[in-house]
Amino acid sequence: MAEFYQKKYVTSQGERWDTIALALYGNALKVAPLAEANPRYRNVVAFPAGCELTVPILEESAVESLPPWKR
C-alpha cells in the first residue's frame, strides 16, 4: 500500500475518527489509515479540540473507486 504523509488536520471538540474520515476521504469507513498514521491517538474515541493529526494521502485509485456521490 503506497501512502505518504503530507497533510495535517486539527481536530474540533467532539470529533470522532469516523467523522474525520468522512470529512477527509468522503468515506466514514476509512478510519484505518488515519489510526495507523496517528498511533498516539489510537484509543481516543472523541477528540478534544486542537489535536494535530497526520493525514495519509491515499492513492488516487482508492478514492477513484468510489461512486461520485460518495467522494
PDB file of N, CA and C in Angstrom:
ATOM      1  N   MET A   1       0.854  -1.176   0.000  1.00  0.00           N
ATOM      2  CA  MET A   1       0.000   0.000   0.000  1.00  0.00           C
ATOM      3  C   MET A   1       0.900   1.240   0.000  1.00  0.00           C
ATOM      4  N   ALA A   2       0.885   1.969  -1.067  1.00  0.00           N
ATOM      5  CA  ALA A   2       1.730   3.148  -1.173  1.00  0.00           C
ATOM      6  C   ALA A   2       0.994   4.369  -0.641  1.00  0.00           C
ATOM      7  N   GLU A   3       1.475   4.871   0.462  1.00  0.00           N
ATOM      8  CA  GLU A   3       0.921   6.081   1.062  1.00  0.00           C
ATOM      9  C   GLU A   3       2.087   6.987   1.414  1.00  0.00           C
ATOM     10  N   PHE A   4       1.809   8.249   1.495  1.00  0.00           N
ATOM     11  CA  PHE A   4       2.789   9.160   2.059  1.00  0.00           C
ATOM     12  C   PHE A   4       2.025  10.163   2.893  1.00  0.00           C
ATOM     13  N   TYR A   5       2.717  10.733   3.862  1.00  0.00           N
ATOM     14  CA  TYR A   5       2.073  11.613   4.820  1.00  0.00           C
ATOM     15  C   TYR A   5       2.474  13.040   4.523  1.00  0.00           C
ATOM     16  N   GLN A   6       1.486  13.876   4.249  1.00  0.00           N
ATOM     17  CA  GLN A   6       1.840  15.247   3.945  1.00  0.00           C
ATOM     18  C   GLN A   6       0.877  16.246   4.546  1.00  0.00           C
ATOM     19  N   LYS A   7      -0.360  15.886   4.761  1.00  0.00           N
ATOM     20  CA  LYS A   7      -1.332  16.837   5.285  1.00  0.00           C
ATOM     21  C   LYS A   7      -1.439  16.727   6.800  1.00  0.00           C
ATOM     22  N   LYS A   8      -1.855  17.799   7.405  1.00  0.00           N
ATOM     23  CA  LYS A   8      -2.161  17.835   8.835  1.00  0.00           C
ATOM     24  C   LYS A   8      -3.616  18.232   8.991  1.00  0.00           C
ATOM     25  N   TYR A   9      -4.227  17.771  10.081  1.00  0.00           N
ATOM     26  CA  TYR A   9      -5.618  18.093  10.371  1.00  0.00           C
ATOM     27  C   TYR A   9      -5.708  18.400  11.853  1.00  0.00           C
ATOM     28  N   VAL A  10      -6.340  19.490  12.215  1.00  0.00           N
ATOM     29  CA  VAL A  10      -6.514  19.876  13.611  1.00  0.00           C
ATOM     30  C   VAL A  10      -7.964  19.602  13.988  1.00  0.00           C
ATOM     31  N   THR A  11      -8.133  18.827  15.057  1.00  0.00           N
ATOM     32  CA  THR A  11      -9.470  18.395  15.462  1.00  0.00           C
ATOM     33  C   THR A  11     -10.256  19.501  16.148  1.00  0.00           C
ATOM     34  N   SER A  12     -11.565  19.350  16.083  1.00  0.00           N
ATOM     35  CA  SER A  12     -12.513  20.183  16.826  1.00  0.00           C
ATOM     36  C   SER A  12     -13.061  19.335  17.963  1.00  0.00           C
ATOM     37  N   GLN A  13     -13.549  19.980  18.986  1.00  0.00           N
ATOM     38  CA  GLN A  13     -14.101  19.284  20.148  1.00  0.00           C
ATOM     39  C   GLN A  13     -15.183  18.287  19.735  1.00  0.00           C
ATOM     40  N   GLY A  14     -15.045  17.039  20.202  1.00  0.00           N
ATOM     41  CA  GLY A  14     -16.067  16.028  19.977  1.00  0.00           C
ATOM     42  C   GLY A  14     -15.970  15.253  18.681  1.00  0.00           C
ATOM     43  N   GLU A  15     -15.042  15.606  17.794  1.00  0.00           N
ATOM     44  CA  GLU A  15     -14.905  14.846  16.546  1.00  0.00           C
ATOM     45  C   GLU A  15     -14.465  13.420  16.852  1.00  0.00           C
ATOM     46  N   ARG A  16     -14.903  12.505  16.002  1.00  0.00           N
ATOM     47  CA  ARG A  16     -14.537  11.101  16.125  1.00  0.00           C
ATOM     48  C   ARG A  16     -13.780  10.679  14.863  1.00  0.00           C
ATOM     49  N   TRP A  17     -13.135   9.517  14.945  1.00  0.00           N
ATOM     50  CA  TRP A  17     -12.383   9.010  13.800  1.00  0.00           C
ATOM     51  C   TRP A  17     -13.259   8.924  12.559  1.00  0.00           C
ATOM     52  N   ASP A  18     -14.477   8.425  12.719  1.00  0.00           N
ATOM     53  CA  ASP A  18     -15.330   8.245  11.546  1.00  0.00           C
ATOM     54  C   ASP A  18     -15.769   9.569  10.933  1.00  0.00           C
ATOM     55  N   THR A  19     -16.016  10.577  11.757  1.00  0.00           N
ATOM     56  CA  THR A  19     -16.423  11.873  11.194  1.00  0.00           C
ATOM     57  C   THR A  19     -15.248  12.559  10.499  1.00  0.00           C
ATOM     58  N   ILE A  20     -14.055  12.348  11.022  1.00  0.00           N
ATOM     59  CA  ILE A  20     -12.860  12.911  10.379  1.00  0.00           C
ATOM     60  C   ILE A  20     -12.612  12.210   9.047  1.00  0.00           C
ATOM     61  N   ALA A  21     -12.713  10.874   9.034  1.00  0.00           N
ATOM     62  CA  ALA A  21     -12.529  10.115   7.790  1.00  0.00           C
ATOM     63  C   ALA A  21     -13.556  10.531   6.745  1.00  0.00           C
ATOM     64  N   LEU A  22     -14.791  10.740   7.173  1.00  0.00           N
ATOM     65  CA  LEU A  22     -15.829  11.178   6.239  1.00  0.00           C
ATOM     66  C   LEU A  22     -15.496  12.545   5.657  1.00  0.00           C
ATOM     67  N   ALA A  23     -15.037  13.462   6.493  1.00  0.00           N
ATOM     68  CA  ALA A  23     -14.699  14.810   6.033  1.00  0.00           C
ATOM     69  C   ALA A  23     -13.494  14.808   5.084  1.00  0.00           C
ATOM     70  N   LEU A  24     -12.506  13.977   5.373  1.00  0.00           N
ATOM     71  CA  LEU A  24     -11.270  13.991   4.585  1.00  0.00           C
ATOM     72  C   LEU A  24     -11.321  13.108   3.342  1.00  0.00           C
ATOM     73  N   TYR A  25     -11.948  11.942   3.477  1.00  0.00           N
ATOM     74  CA  TYR A  25     -11.931  10.962   2.391  1.00  0.00           C
ATOM     75  C   TYR A  25     -13.293  10.740   1.745  1.00  0.00           C
ATOM     76  N   GLY A  26     -14.344  11.299   2.335  1.00  0.00           N
ATOM     77  CA  GLY A  26     -15.674  11.066   1.805  1.00  0.00           C
ATOM     78  C   GLY A  26     -16.218   9.694   2.154  1.00  0.00           C
ATOM     79  N   ASN A  27     -15.579   9.022   3.112  1.00  0.00           N
ATOM     80  CA  ASN A  27     -15.986   7.669   3.491  1.00  0.00           C
ATOM     81  C   ASN A  27     -15.663   7.466   4.968  1.00  0.00           C
ATOM     82  N   ALA A  28     -16.688   7.300   5.786  1.00  0.00           N
ATOM     83  CA  ALA A  28     -16.507   7.133   7.230  1.00  0.00           C
ATOM     84  C   ALA A  28     -15.820   5.822   7.588  1.00  0.00           C
ATOM     85  N   LEU A  29     -15.723   4.896   6.658  1.00  0.00           N
ATOM     86  CA  LEU A  29     -15.087   3.604   6.927  1.00  0.00           C
ATOM     87  C   LEU A  29     -13.576   3.626   6.733  1.00  0.00           C
ATOM     88  N   LYS A  30     -13.024   4.712   6.247  1.00  0.00           N
ATOM     89  CA  LYS A  30     -11.576   4.798   6.002  1.00  0.00           C
ATOM     90  C   LYS A  30     -10.834   5.296   7.241  1.00  0.00           C
ATOM     91  N   VAL A  31     -11.165   4.731   8.384  1.00  0.00           N
ATOM     92  CA  VAL A  31     -10.562   5.101   9.661  1.00  0.00           C
ATOM     93  C   VAL A  31      -9.162   4.497   9.805  1.00  0.00           C
ATOM     94  N   ALA A  32      -8.953   3.298   9.298  1.00  0.00           N
ATOM     95  CA  ALA A  32      -7.688   2.578   9.499  1.00  0.00           C
ATOM     96  C   ALA A  32      -6.441   3.376   9.086  1.00  0.00           C
ATOM     97  N   PRO A  33      -6.408   4.003   7.912  1.00  0.00           N
ATOM     98  CA  PRO A  33      -5.208   4.755   7.553  1.00  0.00           C
ATOM     99  C   PRO A  33      -4.934   5.908   8.525  1.00  0.00           C
ATOM    100  N   LEU A  34      -5.981   6.555   8.990  1.00  0.00           N
ATOM    101  CA  LEU A  34      -5.814   7.648   9.954  1.00  0.00           C
ATOM    102  C   LEU A  34      -5.257   7.136  11.275  1.00  0.00           C
ATOM    103  N   ALA A  35      -5.820   6.044  11.777  1.00  0.00           N
ATOM    104  CA  ALA A  35      -5.376   5.481  13.051  1.00  0.00           C
ATOM    105  C   ALA A  35      -3.935   4.986  12.958  1.00  0.00           C
ATOM    106  N   GLU A  36      -3.573   4.364  11.854  1.00  0.00           N
ATOM    107  CA  GLU A  36      -2.203   3.873  11.664  1.00  0.00           C
ATOM    108  C   GLU A  36      -1.202   5.015  11.624  1.00  0.00           C
ATOM    109  N   ALA A  37      -1.588   6.140  11.057  1.00  0.00           N
ATOM    110  CA  ALA A  37      -0.690   7.296  10.948  1.00  0.00           C
ATOM    111  C   ALA A  37      -0.586   8.078  12.259  1.00  0.00           C
ATOM    112  N   ASN A  38      -1.497   7.803  13.187  1.00  0.00           N
ATOM    113  CA  ASN A  38      -1.554   8.552  14.448  1.00  0.00           C
ATOM    114  C   ASN A  38      -1.685   7.611  15.640  1.00  0.00           C
ATOM    115  N   PRO A  39      -0.691   6.745  15.859  1.00  0.00           N
ATOM    116  CA  PRO A  39      -0.816   5.748  16.927  1.00  0.00           C
ATOM    117  C   PRO A  39      -0.984   6.365  18.317  1.00  0.00           C
ATOM    118  N   ARG A  40      -0.509   7.551  18.495  1.00  0.00           N
ATOM    119  CA  ARG A  40      -0.623   8.246  19.783  1.00  0.00           C
ATOM    120  C   ARG A  40      -2.085   8.434  20.192  1.00  0.00           C
ATOM    121  N   TYR A  41      -2.963   8.585  19.228  1.00  0.00           N
ATOM    122  CA  TYR A  41      -4.375   8.851  19.491  1.00  0.00           C
ATOM    123  C   TYR A  41      -5.273   7.639  19.247  1.00  0.00           C
ATOM    124  N   ARG A  42      -4.689   6.499  19.056  1.00  0.00           N
ATOM    125  CA  ARG A  42      -5.447   5.315  18.656  1.00  0.00           C
ATOM    126  C   ARG A  42      -6.608   4.982  19.599  1.00  0.00           C
ATOM    127  N   ASN A  43      -6.461   5.225  20.886  1.00  0.00           N
ATOM    128  CA  ASN A  43      -7.508   4.890  21.861  1.00  0.00           C
ATOM    129  C   ASN A  43      -8.493   6.015  22.127  1.00  0.00           C
ATOM    130  N   VAL A  44      -8.359   7.117  21.415  1.00  0.00           N
ATOM    131  CA  VAL A  44      -9.276   8.244  21.589  1.00  0.00           C
ATOM    132  C   VAL A  44     -10.578   7.939  20.853  1.00  0.00           C
ATOM    133  N   VAL A  45     -11.691   8.164  21.538  1.00  0.00           N
ATOM    134  CA  VAL A  45     -13.000   7.970  20.899  1.00  0.00           C
ATOM    135  C   VAL A  45     -13.515   9.310  20.388  1.00  0.00           C
ATOM    136  N   ALA A  46     -13.567  10.311  21.266  1.00  0.00           N
ATOM    137  CA  ALA A  46     -13.986  11.667  20.890  1.00  0.00           C
ATOM    138  C   ALA A  46     -12.823  12.601  21.189  1.00  0.00           C
ATOM    139  N   PHE A  47     -12.362  13.295  20.183  1.00  0.00           N
ATOM    140  CA  PHE A  47     -11.182  14.150  20.314  1.00  0.00           C
ATOM    141  C   PHE A  47     -11.488  15.457  21.030  1.00  0.00           C
ATOM    142  N   PRO A  48     -10.523  15.943  21.806  1.00  0.00           N
ATOM    143  CA  PRO A  48     -10.621  17.320  22.287  1.00  0.00           C
ATOM    144  C   PRO A  48     -10.225  18.246  21.137  1.00  0.00           C
ATOM    145  N   ALA A  49     -10.494  19.505  21.278  1.00  0.00           N
ATOM    146  CA  ALA A  49     -10.092  20.474  20.251  1.00  0.00           C
ATOM    147  C   ALA A  49      -8.585  20.626  20.246  1.00  0.00           C
ATOM    148  N   GLY A  50      -8.011  20.777  19.064  1.00  0.00           N
ATOM    149  CA  GLY A  50      -6.615  21.134  18.924  1.00  0.00           C
ATOM    150  C   GLY A  50      -5.627  20.002  18.752  1.00  0.00           C
ATOM    151  N   CYS A  51      -6.057  18.761  18.629  1.00  0.00           N
ATOM    152  CA  CYS A  51      -5.128  17.662  18.359  1.00  0.00           C
ATOM    153  C   CYS A  51      -4.715  17.735  16.890  1.00  0.00           C
ATOM    154  N   GLU A  52      -3.423  17.649  16.636  1.00  0.00           N
ATOM    155  CA  GLU A  52      -2.937  17.698  15.261  1.00  0.00           C
ATOM    156  C   GLU A  52      -2.705  16.279  14.768  1.00  0.00           C
ATOM    157  N   LEU A  53      -3.459  15.889  13.761  1.00  0.00           N
ATOM    158  CA  LEU A  53      -3.342  14.563  13.182  1.00  0.00           C
ATOM    159  C   LEU A  53      -2.587  14.619  11.862  1.00  0.00           C
ATOM    160  N   THR A  54      -1.813  13.581  11.609  1.00  0.00           N
ATOM    161  CA  THR A  54      -1.174  13.411  10.316  1.00  0.00           C
ATOM    162  C   THR A  54      -2.161  12.676   9.428  1.00  0.00           C
ATOM    163  N   VAL A  55      -2.369  13.194   8.232  1.00  0.00           N
ATOM    164  CA  VAL A  55      -3.359  12.617   7.318  1.00  0.00           C
ATOM    165  C   VAL A  55      -2.645  11.933   6.162  1.00  0.00           C
ATOM    166  N   PRO A  56      -2.785  10.604   6.060  1.00  0.00           N
ATOM    167  CA  PRO A  56      -2.189   9.928   4.915  1.00  0.00           C
ATOM    168  C   PRO A  56      -2.948  10.295   3.639  1.00  0.00           C
ATOM    169  N   ILE A  57      -2.202  10.598   2.614  1.00  0.00           N
ATOM    170  CA  ILE A  57      -2.793  10.857   1.311  1.00  0.00           C
ATOM    171  C   ILE A  57      -2.864   9.501   0.619  1.00  0.00           C
ATOM    172  N   LEU A  58      -4.065   9.009   0.427  1.00  0.00           N
ATOM    173  CA  LEU A  58      -4.240   7.692  -0.169  1.00  0.00           C
ATOM    174  C   LEU A  58      -4.044   7.759  -1.670  1.00  0.00           C
ATOM    175  N   GLU A  59      -3.691   6.629  -2.235  1.00  0.00           N
ATOM    176  CA  GLU A  59      -3.548   6.554  -3.685  1.00  0.00           C
ATOM    177  C   GLU A  59      -4.861   6.971  -4.329  1.00  0.00           C
ATOM    178  N   GLU A  60      -4.771   7.642  -5.438  1.00  0.00           N
ATOM    179  CA  GLU A  60      -5.980   8.107  -6.121  1.00  0.00           C
ATOM    180  C   GLU A  60      -6.913   6.966  -6.466  1.00  0.00           C
ATOM    181  N   SER A  61      -6.369   5.815  -6.797  1.00  0.00           N
ATOM    182  CA  SER A  61      -7.223   4.703  -7.192  1.00  0.00           C
ATOM    183  C   SER A  61      -8.172   4.300  -6.070  1.00  0.00           C
ATOM    184  N   ALA A  62      -7.757   4.438  -4.815  1.00  0.00           N
ATOM    185  CA  ALA A  62      -8.622   4.088  -3.697  1.00  0.00           C
ATOM    186  C   ALA A  62      -9.812   5.038  -3.628  1.00  0.00           C
ATOM    187  N   VAL A  63      -9.577   6.311  -3.876  1.00  0.00           N
ATOM    188  CA  VAL A  63     -10.653   7.294  -3.849  1.00  0.00           C
ATOM    189  C   VAL A  63     -11.467   7.215  -5.130  1.00  0.00           C
ATOM    190  N   GLU A  64     -10.815   7.016  -6.250  1.00  0.00           N
ATOM    191  CA  GLU A  64     -11.497   6.970  -7.536  1.00  0.00           C
ATOM    192  C   GLU A  64     -12.455   5.793  -7.639  1.00  0.00           C
ATOM    193  N   SER A  65     -12.249   4.747  -6.840  1.00  0.00           N
ATOM    194  CA  SER A  65     -13.117   3.587  -6.924  1.00  0.00           C
ATOM    195  C   SER A  65     -14.494   3.846  -6.310  1.00  0.00           C
ATOM    196  N   LEU A  66     -14.634   4.948  -5.582  1.00  0.00           N
ATOM    197  CA  LEU A  66     -15.927   5.299  -5.007  1.00  0.00           C
ATOM    198  C   LEU A  66     -16.829   5.910  -6.070  1.00  0.00           C
ATOM    199  N   PRO A  67     -18.124   5.674  -5.975  1.00  0.00           N
ATOM    200  CA  PRO A  67     -19.025   6.360  -6.898  1.00  0.00           C
ATOM    201  C   PRO A  67     -18.987   7.856  -6.640  1.00  0.00           C
ATOM    202  N   PRO A  68     -19.252   8.675  -7.631  1.00  0.00           N
ATOM    203  CA  PRO A  68     -19.142  10.133  -7.487  1.00  0.00           C
ATOM    204  C   PRO A  68     -19.922  10.707  -6.315  1.00  0.00           C
ATOM    205  N   TRP A  69     -21.091  10.143  -5.990  1.00  0.00           N
ATOM    206  CA  TRP A  69     -21.906  10.687  -4.916  1.00  0.00           C
ATOM    207  C   TRP A  69     -21.357  10.361  -3.530  1.00  0.00           C
ATOM    208  N   LYS A  70     -20.292   9.501  -3.451  1.00  0.00           N
ATOM    209  CA  LYS A  70     -19.681   9.186  -2.167  1.00  0.00           C
ATOM    210  C   LYS A  70     -18.294   9.793  -2.014  1.00  0.00           C
ATOM    211  N   ARG A  71     -17.823  10.539  -3.004  1.00  0.00           N
ATOM    212  CA  ARG A  71     -16.494  11.147  -2.917  1.00  0.00           C
ATOM    213  C   ARG A  71     -16.540  12.400  -2.113  1.00  0.00           C
TER     214      ARG A  71
END
